[in-house]
Structure formats: C-alpha cells, structure tokens
PDB file of N, CA and C in Angstrom:
ATOM      1  N   UNK A   1      -2.740  14.722   8.370  1.00  0.00           N
ATOM      2  CA  UNK A   1      -3.222  15.017   6.991  1.00  0.00           C
ATOM      3  C   UNK A   1      -2.408  13.879   6.100  1.00  0.00           C
ATOM      4  N   UNK A   2      -1.120  13.303   6.591  1.00  0.00           N
ATOM      5  CA  UNK A   2      -0.742  12.474   5.395  1.00  0.00           C
ATOM      6  C   UNK A   2      -1.473  11.094   5.508  1.00  0.00           C
ATOM      7  N   UNK A   3      -2.116  10.845   6.402  1.00  0.00           N
ATOM      8  CA  UNK A   3      -2.793   9.539   6.450  1.00  0.00           C
ATOM      9  C   UNK A   3      -4.271   9.836   5.820  1.00  0.00           C
ATOM     10  N   UNK A   4      -4.478  10.854   5.751  1.00  0.00           N
ATOM     11  CA  UNK A   4      -5.839  11.061   4.715  1.00  0.00           C
ATOM     12  C   UNK A   4      -5.421  11.293   3.182  1.00  0.00           C
ATOM     13  N   UNK A   5      -4.262  11.576   2.974  1.00  0.00           N
ATOM     14  CA  UNK A   5      -3.466  11.698   1.597  1.00  0.00           C
ATOM     15  C   UNK A   5      -3.235  10.246   1.104  1.00  0.00           C
ATOM     16  N   UNK A   6      -2.716   9.214   1.921  1.00  0.00           N
ATOM     17  CA  UNK A   6      -2.308   7.968   1.621  1.00  0.00           C
ATOM     18  C   UNK A   6      -3.833   7.220   1.408  1.00  0.00           C
ATOM     19  N   UNK A   7      -4.892   7.467   2.389  1.00  0.00           N
ATOM     20  CA  UNK A   7      -6.181   6.666   2.241  1.00  0.00           C
ATOM     21  C   UNK A   7      -6.641   7.170   0.853  1.00  0.00           C
ATOM     22  N   UNK A   8      -6.758   8.372   0.349  1.00  0.00           N
ATOM     23  CA  UNK A   8      -7.090   8.837  -0.800  1.00  0.00           C
ATOM     24  C   UNK A   8      -6.537   8.282  -1.787  1.00  0.00           C
ATOM     25  N   UNK A   9      -4.661   8.112  -1.641  1.00  0.00           N
ATOM     26  CA  UNK A   9      -4.114   7.564  -2.809  1.00  0.00           C
ATOM     27  C   UNK A   9      -4.353   6.348  -3.369  1.00  0.00           C
ATOM     28  N   UNK A  10      -4.750   5.485  -2.136  1.00  0.00           N
ATOM     29  CA  UNK A  10      -4.981   4.013  -2.406  1.00  0.00           C
ATOM     30  C   UNK A  10      -6.574   3.907  -3.276  1.00  0.00           C
ATOM     31  N   UNK A  11      -7.392   4.775  -2.952  1.00  0.00           N
ATOM     32  CA  UNK A  11      -8.734   5.013  -3.450  1.00  0.00           C
ATOM     33  C   UNK A  11      -8.638   5.410  -4.798  1.00  0.00           C
ATOM     34  N   UNK A  12      -8.124   6.779  -4.926  1.00  0.00           N
ATOM     35  CA  UNK A  12      -8.067   7.244  -6.173  1.00  0.00           C
ATOM     36  C   UNK A  12      -6.494   7.916  -6.438  1.00  0.00           C
ATOM     37  N   UNK A  13      -5.534   7.356  -6.977  1.00  0.00           N
ATOM     38  CA  UNK A  13      -4.551   7.815  -7.048  1.00  0.00           C
ATOM     39  C   UNK A  13      -3.841   9.110  -7.728  1.00  0.00           C
ATOM     40  N   UNK A  14      -4.778   9.436  -8.661  1.00  0.00           N
ATOM     41  CA  UNK A  14      -4.212  10.988  -9.146  1.00  0.00           C
ATOM     42  C   UNK A  14      -4.593  12.118  -7.936  1.00  0.00           C
ATOM     43  N   UNK A  15      -5.709  11.915  -7.615  1.00  0.00           N
ATOM     44  CA  UNK A  15      -6.242  12.638  -6.471  1.00  0.00           C
ATOM     45  C   UNK A  15      -5.250  12.973  -5.285  1.00  0.00           C
ATOM     46  N   UNK A  16      -4.542  11.667  -5.044  1.00  0.00           N
ATOM     47  CA  UNK A  16      -3.555  11.812  -4.019  1.00  0.00           C
ATOM     48  C   UNK A  16      -2.598  12.606  -4.283  1.00  0.00           C
ATOM     49  N   UNK A  17      -1.861  12.399  -5.691  1.00  0.00           N
ATOM     50  CA  UNK A  17      -0.909  13.230  -6.020  1.00  0.00           C
ATOM     51  C   UNK A  17      -1.088  14.718  -6.263  1.00  0.00           C
ATOM     52  N   UNK A  18      -2.439  14.899  -6.632  1.00  0.00           N
ATOM     53  CA  UNK A  18      -2.838  16.438  -7.007  1.00  0.00           C
ATOM     54  C   UNK A  18      -2.937  16.904  -5.229  1.00  0.00           C
ATOM     55  N   UNK A  19      -3.087  16.480  -4.332  1.00  0.00           N
ATOM     56  CA  UNK A  19      -3.407  16.809  -3.185  1.00  0.00           C
ATOM     57  C   UNK A  19      -1.940  17.472  -2.708  1.00  0.00           C
ATOM     58  N   UNK A  20      -1.056  16.493  -3.195  1.00  0.00           N
ATOM     59  CA  UNK A  20       0.363  16.606  -2.485  1.00  0.00           C
ATOM     60  C   UNK A  20       1.157  17.634  -3.471  1.00  0.00           C
ATOM     61  N   UNK A  21       1.164  17.617  -4.778  1.00  0.00           N
ATOM     62  CA  UNK A  21       1.774  18.038  -5.982  1.00  0.00           C
ATOM     63  C   UNK A  21       1.419  19.339  -6.635  1.00  0.00           C
ATOM     64  N   UNK A  22       0.073  19.190  -7.044  1.00  0.00           N
ATOM     65  CA  UNK A  22      -0.837  20.140  -7.620  1.00  0.00           C
ATOM     66  C   UNK A  22      -0.742  19.392  -9.071  1.00  0.00           C
ATOM     67  N   UNK A  23      -1.044  20.441 -10.322  1.00  0.00           N
ATOM     68  CA  UNK A  23      -1.234  20.031 -11.283  1.00  0.00           C
ATOM     69  C   UNK A  23       0.394  20.131 -12.070  1.00  0.00           C
ATOM     70  N   UNK A  24       1.148  19.221 -11.463  1.00  0.00           N
ATOM     71  CA  UNK A  24       2.475  19.425 -12.253  1.00  0.00           C
ATOM     72  C   UNK A  24       2.653  18.071 -12.834  1.00  0.00           C
ATOM     73  N   UNK A  25       4.074  17.849 -13.234  1.00  0.00           N
ATOM     74  CA  UNK A  25       4.476  16.415 -13.955  1.00  0.00           C
ATOM     75  C   UNK A  25       4.026  15.018 -13.150  1.00  0.00           C
ATOM     76  N   UNK A  26       4.263  15.338 -11.965  1.00  0.00           N
ATOM     77  CA  UNK A  26       3.827  14.106 -11.286  1.00  0.00           C
ATOM     78  C   UNK A  26       2.381  13.737 -11.607  1.00  0.00           C
ATOM     79  N   UNK A  27       1.506  14.608 -11.406  1.00  0.00           N
ATOM     80  CA  UNK A  27       0.152  14.367 -11.500  1.00  0.00           C
ATOM     81  C   UNK A  27      -0.225  13.685 -12.862  1.00  0.00           C
ATOM     82  N   UNK A  28       0.420  14.362 -13.959  1.00  0.00           N
ATOM     83  CA  UNK A  28      -0.005  13.802 -15.333  1.00  0.00           C
ATOM     84  C   UNK A  28       0.635  11.978 -15.536  1.00  0.00           C
ATOM     85  N   UNK A  29       1.867  12.263 -15.151  1.00  0.00           N
ATOM     86  CA  UNK A  29       2.393  10.581 -14.741  1.00  0.00           C
ATOM     87  C   UNK A  29       1.799   9.837 -14.234  1.00  0.00           C
ATOM     88  N   UNK A  30       0.953  10.237 -13.313  1.00  0.00           N
ATOM     89  CA  UNK A  30       0.104   9.467 -12.360  1.00  0.00           C
ATOM     90  C   UNK A  30      -1.130   8.796 -12.974  1.00  0.00           C
ATOM     91  N   UNK A  31      -1.573   9.847 -13.668  1.00  0.00           N
ATOM     92  CA  UNK A  31      -2.700   9.832 -14.444  1.00  0.00           C
ATOM     93  C   UNK A  31      -2.350   8.556 -15.437  1.00  0.00           C
ATOM     94  N   UNK A  32      -1.252   8.801 -16.373  1.00  0.00           N
ATOM     95  CA  UNK A  32      -0.779   7.779 -17.285  1.00  0.00           C
ATOM     96  C   UNK A  32      -0.728   6.323 -16.709  1.00  0.00           C
ATOM     97  N   UNK A  33       0.012   6.308 -15.652  1.00  0.00           N
ATOM     98  CA  UNK A  33       0.421   4.965 -14.704  1.00  0.00           C
ATOM     99  C   UNK A  33      -1.112   4.476 -14.420  1.00  0.00           C
ATOM    100  N   UNK A  34      -2.051   5.300 -13.959  1.00  0.00           N
ATOM    101  CA  UNK A  34      -3.308   4.602 -13.243  1.00  0.00           C
ATOM    102  C   UNK A  34      -4.074   4.018 -14.667  1.00  0.00           C
ATOM    103  N   UNK A  35      -3.982   4.844 -16.001  1.00  0.00           N
ATOM    104  CA  UNK A  35      -4.746   4.304 -16.809  1.00  0.00           C
ATOM    105  C   UNK A  35      -4.202   2.948 -17.532  1.00  0.00           C
ATOM    106  N   UNK A  36      -2.682   2.961 -17.321  1.00  0.00           N
ATOM    107  CA  UNK A  36      -1.844   1.652 -17.930  1.00  0.00           C
ATOM    108  C   UNK A  36      -2.076   0.492 -16.819  1.00  0.00           C
ATOM    109  N   UNK A  37      -2.376   0.875 -15.563  1.00  0.00           N
ATOM    110  CA  UNK A  37      -2.656  -0.292 -14.622  1.00  0.00           C
ATOM    111  C   UNK A  37      -2.815   0.501 -13.259  1.00  0.00           C
ATOM    112  N   UNK A  38      -3.812   0.060 -12.433  1.00  0.00           N
ATOM    113  CA  UNK A  38      -4.324   0.598 -11.201  1.00  0.00           C
ATOM    114  C   UNK A  38      -3.092   0.457 -10.111  1.00  0.00           C
ATOM    115  N   UNK A  39      -2.419  -0.738 -10.012  1.00  0.00           N
ATOM    116  CA  UNK A  39      -1.230  -0.984  -8.914  1.00  0.00           C
ATOM    117  C   UNK A  39      -0.530  -0.065  -9.075  1.00  0.00           C
ATOM    118  N   UNK A  40       0.390   0.366 -10.580  1.00  0.00           N
ATOM    119  CA  UNK A  40       1.230   1.108 -10.525  1.00  0.00           C
ATOM    120  C   UNK A  40       0.832   2.821 -10.219  1.00  0.00           C
ATOM    121  N   UNK A  41      -0.152   3.016 -10.448  1.00  0.00           N
ATOM    122  CA  UNK A  41      -0.931   4.372 -10.064  1.00  0.00           C
ATOM    123  C   UNK A  41      -0.604   4.516  -8.690  1.00  0.00           C
ATOM    124  N   UNK A  42      -1.130   3.375  -7.952  1.00  0.00           N
ATOM    125  CA  UNK A  42      -0.997   3.571  -6.449  1.00  0.00           C
ATOM    126  C   UNK A  42       0.348   3.585  -5.809  1.00  0.00           C
ATOM    127  N   UNK A  43       1.080   2.830  -6.642  1.00  0.00           N
ATOM    128  CA  UNK A  43       2.648   2.799  -5.934  1.00  0.00           C
ATOM    129  C   UNK A  43       3.320   4.265  -6.255  1.00  0.00           C
ATOM    130  N   UNK A  44       3.087   4.659  -7.346  1.00  0.00           N
ATOM    131  CA  UNK A  44       3.347   6.003  -7.505  1.00  0.00           C
ATOM    132  C   UNK A  44       3.002   7.143  -6.677  1.00  0.00           C
ATOM    133  N   UNK A  45       1.772   7.033  -6.557  1.00  0.00           N
ATOM    134  CA  UNK A  45       1.070   8.057  -5.668  1.00  0.00           C
ATOM    135  C   UNK A  45       1.603   7.958  -4.052  1.00  0.00           C
ATOM    136  N   UNK A  46       1.594   6.750  -3.599  1.00  0.00           N
ATOM    137  CA  UNK A  46       2.453   6.546  -2.415  1.00  0.00           C
ATOM    138  C   UNK A  46       3.536   6.864  -2.232  1.00  0.00           C
ATOM    139  N   UNK A  47       4.592   6.591  -3.332  1.00  0.00           N
ATOM    140  CA  UNK A  47       5.925   7.148  -3.170  1.00  0.00           C
ATOM    141  C   UNK A  47       5.709   8.718  -3.313  1.00  0.00           C
ATOM    142  N   UNK A  48       5.189   9.449  -3.941  1.00  0.00           N
ATOM    143  CA  UNK A  48       5.032  10.620  -3.990  1.00  0.00           C
ATOM    144  C   UNK A  48       4.692  11.046  -2.755  1.00  0.00           C
ATOM    145  N   UNK A  49       3.805  10.610  -1.893  1.00  0.00           N
ATOM    146  CA  UNK A  49       3.125  11.329  -0.585  1.00  0.00           C
ATOM    147  C   UNK A  49       4.240  10.922   0.636  1.00  0.00           C
ATOM    148  N   UNK A  50       4.719   9.790   0.147  1.00  0.00           N
ATOM    149  CA  UNK A  50       5.830   9.036   1.575  1.00  0.00           C
ATOM    150  C   UNK A  50       7.002  10.179   1.342  1.00  0.00           C
ATOM    151  N   UNK A  51       7.606  10.186  -0.119  1.00  0.00           N
ATOM    152  CA  UNK A  51       8.898  11.104   0.098  1.00  0.00           C
ATOM    153  C   UNK A  51       8.838  12.405   0.643  1.00  0.00           C
ATOM    154  N   UNK A  52       7.936  13.029   0.815  1.00  0.00           N
ATOM    155  CA  UNK A  52       7.820  14.556   1.662  1.00  0.00           C
ATOM    156  C   UNK A  52       7.664  14.348   2.825  1.00  0.00           C
TER     157      UNK A  52
END
C-alpha cells in the first residue's frame, strides 16, 4: 500500500498526505506547500508517507 501512496504523492501530494494522515495539520501544511511550489509539496508528502 505504501507504493501506491508514494505514486499518488508524486502525482498529487495533498492526496497522498490525506490518505496517510487524514484532515490533520500535515494535510493543510501540504496544501500550502503545494500551492507555493509543487516540489516542496512532493518532498513533504513523501516525508510524511516514508516516516511511518
């Protein structure tokens, strides 16, 4: 399942974080990072998914 989340996080970072954490603070942080720049959103999403 982590492989699917990683692929989703690369395509749409907030969705990957949502699948891992739900509508918590990390989701909103990722939305903000993705709006500011796509790459920071991907890095944050991958970090959230891999750390668990």
